[in-house]
Protein backbone atom coordinates (compact mmCIF):
# COMPACT_ATOMS: atom_id res chain seq x y z
CA MET A 1 60.22 -40.29 44.75
CA THR A 2 63.63 -39.10 43.81
CA PRO A 3 66.33 -38.42 46.41
CA ALA A 4 65.94 -34.68 45.80
CA SER A 5 62.21 -34.71 46.62
CA PRO A 6 62.57 -34.29 50.42
CA LEU A 7 64.96 -31.38 49.88
CA LEU A 8 62.59 -29.77 47.40
CA ARG A 9 59.61 -30.35 49.69
CA SER A 10 61.38 -28.84 52.72
CA THR A 11 62.60 -25.87 50.68
CA LEU A 12 59.29 -24.98 49.06
CA GLY A 13 56.95 -25.98 51.87
CA GLY A 14 58.89 -25.37 55.03
CA ARG A 15 60.83 -22.72 56.82
CA TYR A 16 62.86 -21.90 53.70
CA ALA A 17 59.78 -21.26 51.53
CA PRO A 18 59.85 -17.44 51.75
CA ALA A 19 63.50 -17.31 50.70
CA ALA A 20 62.89 -19.78 47.87
CA ILE A 21 59.90 -17.83 46.58
CA MET A 22 61.77 -14.51 46.73
CA LEU A 23 64.80 -16.06 45.04
CA GLY A 24 62.67 -17.55 42.27
CA ALA A 25 60.80 -14.30 41.64
CA ALA A 26 64.00 -12.24 41.59
CA ALA A 27 65.73 -14.69 39.24
CA ALA A 28 62.69 -14.80 36.94
CA THR A 29 62.51 -11.00 36.79
CA LEU A 30 66.21 -10.63 36.05
CA GLY A 31 65.95 -13.46 33.53
CA GLY A 32 63.06 -11.62 31.88
CA ALA A 33 65.21 -8.51 31.53
CA PHE A 34 67.92 -10.54 29.83
CA LEU A 35 65.28 -12.20 27.62
CA PHE A 36 64.02 -8.78 26.48
CA GLN A 37 67.62 -7.79 25.77
CA TYR A 38 68.97 -10.86 24.00
CA ALA A 39 65.89 -12.52 22.51
CA GLY A 40 63.79 -9.38 22.04
CA GLY A 41 66.61 -7.16 20.80
CA LEU A 42 65.88 -4.29 23.23
CA ALA A 43 69.16 -2.64 24.14
CA PRO A 44 69.16 -1.56 27.80
CA CYS A 45 69.90 2.01 28.76
CA VAL A 46 72.17 3.01 31.63
CA LEU A 47 69.29 3.05 34.13
CA CYS A 48 68.04 -0.32 32.89
CA ILE A 49 71.45 -1.75 33.74
CA ASP A 50 71.42 -0.01 37.13
CA GLU A 51 68.03 -1.57 37.88
CA ARG A 52 69.56 -5.04 37.55
CA TYR A 53 72.14 -4.72 40.34
CA PRO A 54 69.64 -4.84 43.23
CA TYR A 55 68.24 -8.06 41.78
CA ALA A 56 71.73 -9.56 41.83
CA VAL A 57 72.03 -8.59 45.51
CA ALA A 58 68.61 -10.09 46.25
CA ILE A 59 69.46 -13.31 44.42
CA ALA A 60 72.68 -13.65 46.41
CA ALA A 61 70.71 -12.95 49.60
CA GLY A 62 68.14 -15.57 48.64
CA LEU A 63 70.81 -18.18 48.02
CA LEU A 64 72.43 -17.35 51.35
CA ALA A 65 69.06 -17.54 53.13
CA LEU A 66 68.57 -21.06 51.76
CA LEU A 67 71.88 -22.08 53.32
CA LEU A 68 71.41 -20.55 56.77
CA PRO A 69 69.92 -22.80 59.46
CA ASP A 70 69.45 -19.97 62.00
CA ARG A 71 66.11 -18.19 61.59
CA ARG A 72 67.47 -14.84 62.79
CA ALA A 73 70.23 -14.94 60.20
CA ARG A 74 67.71 -15.88 57.50
CA ALA A 75 65.48 -13.00 58.56
CA ALA A 76 68.43 -10.57 58.42
CA VAL A 77 69.32 -11.74 54.92
CA LEU A 78 65.68 -11.36 53.84
CA LEU A 79 65.80 -7.81 55.19
CA VAL A 80 68.85 -7.17 53.01
CA ALA A 81 66.84 -8.43 50.03
CA ALA A 82 63.94 -6.14 50.99
CA LEU A 83 66.36 -3.20 51.13
CA ALA A 84 67.80 -4.12 47.73
CA PHE A 85 64.31 -4.19 46.23
CA ALA A 86 63.50 -0.85 47.89
CA VAL A 87 66.61 0.65 46.27
CA ASP A 88 65.44 -0.75 42.95
CA VAL A 89 62.03 0.90 43.44
CA GLY A 90 63.89 4.20 43.76
CA ILE A 91 65.96 3.62 40.63
CA ALA A 92 62.91 2.51 38.65
CA GLY A 93 60.93 5.52 39.89
CA TYR A 94 63.70 7.84 38.78
CA HIS A 95 63.81 6.03 35.41
CA ILE A 96 60.04 6.47 34.97
CA GLY A 97 60.44 10.19 35.64
CA VAL A 98 63.17 10.44 33.01
CA GLU A 99 61.03 8.50 30.49
CA ARG A 100 58.02 10.72 31.14
CA HIS A 101 60.18 13.86 30.96
CA TRP A 102 59.25 14.88 34.51
CA TRP A 103 62.96 15.57 35.02
CA GLU A 104 66.16 15.19 33.05
CA GLY A 105 68.41 12.20 33.31
CA THR A 106 72.14 12.38 33.67
CA ALA A 107 74.43 12.99 30.70
CA ALA A 108 75.31 9.27 30.70
CA CYS A 109 71.61 8.50 30.60
CA THR A 110 70.54 10.72 27.74
CA GLY A 111 73.70 10.48 25.68
CA SER A 112 73.99 14.22 25.18
CA ILE A 113 77.16 15.51 23.61
CA SER A 114 78.76 18.21 25.73
CA GLN A 115 79.28 21.25 23.58
CA GLY A 116 82.68 22.80 23.83
CA LYS A 117 84.14 19.85 25.76
CA ALA A 118 85.52 18.07 22.71
CA LEU A 119 88.33 20.30 21.49
CA THR A 120 89.65 17.84 18.95
CA LEU A 121 88.12 15.54 16.41
CA GLN A 122 89.50 12.56 18.33
CA ALA A 123 87.85 13.76 21.58
CA LEU A 124 84.53 14.23 19.76
CA ARG A 125 84.82 10.73 18.27
CA GLU A 126 85.45 9.27 21.75
CA GLN A 127 82.45 11.14 23.12
CA ILE A 128 80.22 9.76 20.38
CA MET A 129 81.56 6.21 20.71
CA ASN A 130 81.04 6.25 24.50
CA ALA A 131 77.45 7.49 24.22
CA PRO A 132 74.87 4.92 25.35
CA VAL A 133 73.21 2.74 22.72
CA ALA A 134 69.77 3.26 24.24
CA ARG A 135 68.59 6.51 25.78
CA CYS A 136 66.87 6.49 29.16
CA ASP A 137 64.39 9.17 28.15
CA ARG A 138 62.88 7.11 25.33
CA ILE A 139 60.44 4.28 25.99
CA SER A 140 61.47 1.36 23.79
CA TRP A 141 58.64 -0.97 24.85
CA SER A 142 55.36 -0.60 26.71
CA LEU A 143 52.22 -2.58 27.44
CA PHE A 144 49.01 -1.03 28.77
CA GLY A 145 50.80 2.30 29.07
CA LEU A 146 53.58 0.97 31.31
CA SER A 147 57.19 0.77 30.22
CA LEU A 148 59.61 -1.88 31.39
CA ALA A 149 60.74 0.55 34.09
CA GLY A 150 57.12 0.84 35.20
CA TYR A 151 56.72 -2.91 35.42
CA ASN A 152 60.02 -3.17 37.25
CA PHE A 153 58.80 -0.53 39.73
CA LEU A 154 55.70 -2.62 40.49
CA ILE A 155 57.59 -5.93 40.68
CA ALA A 156 60.35 -4.53 42.90
CA ALA A 157 57.78 -2.90 45.21
CA ALA A 158 55.91 -6.19 45.53
CA LEU A 159 59.13 -8.10 46.18
CA ALA A 160 60.26 -5.53 48.76
CA ALA A 161 56.96 -5.94 50.61
CA PHE A 162 57.11 -9.73 50.31
CA SER A 163 60.71 -9.90 51.54
CA LEU A 164 59.89 -7.68 54.50
CA ALA A 165 56.87 -9.82 55.38
CA ALA A 166 58.98 -12.97 54.90
CA ALA A 167 61.60 -11.64 57.31
CA ARG A 168 58.90 -10.97 59.91
CA ARG A 169 57.42 -14.44 59.35
CA THR A 170 60.82 -16.04 59.64
CA LEU A 171 61.48 -14.29 62.96
CA GLY A 172 58.14 -15.58 64.24
CA GLN A 173 58.98 -19.21 63.53
CA ARG A 174 59.64 -21.41 66.53
CA LYS A 175 62.07 -23.81 64.87
CA PRO A 176 65.59 -22.70 63.94
């Protein structure tokens, strides 16, 4: 066995397991988004970018939970992760609605040019150059009828439920 084996065993099989699992799942999901962007060539829209921030919060929370010896503190940090994932469910749900044309996205989301706002050619040029590369109301990739926002909705909902259950489990542990 290597010197790191006891640490790995205690992290993945002990009281830190829920935090490690949540951290791994959040990092894998965010990594997948970057893989779609950089390896797959799918430019993210404004809402796609917004959907990444809660994962960053959850990853930071997961790292912190792995460092905290007190179970109550770990549970509180896991609750923060659950809240971050719940926020992401809301963003993804909004994004799905924009993609399905159930409601309109914001001007930053759809890249619409405001008529009458650009009084000069330079102002119009700036408006065009600042428009998003990808529009939120167009599905650039889907599988089995679900877009990336749809998959993110499902993943974030599952991770929110898992993080909440993990916080409850952590509070129920007898050891610190």
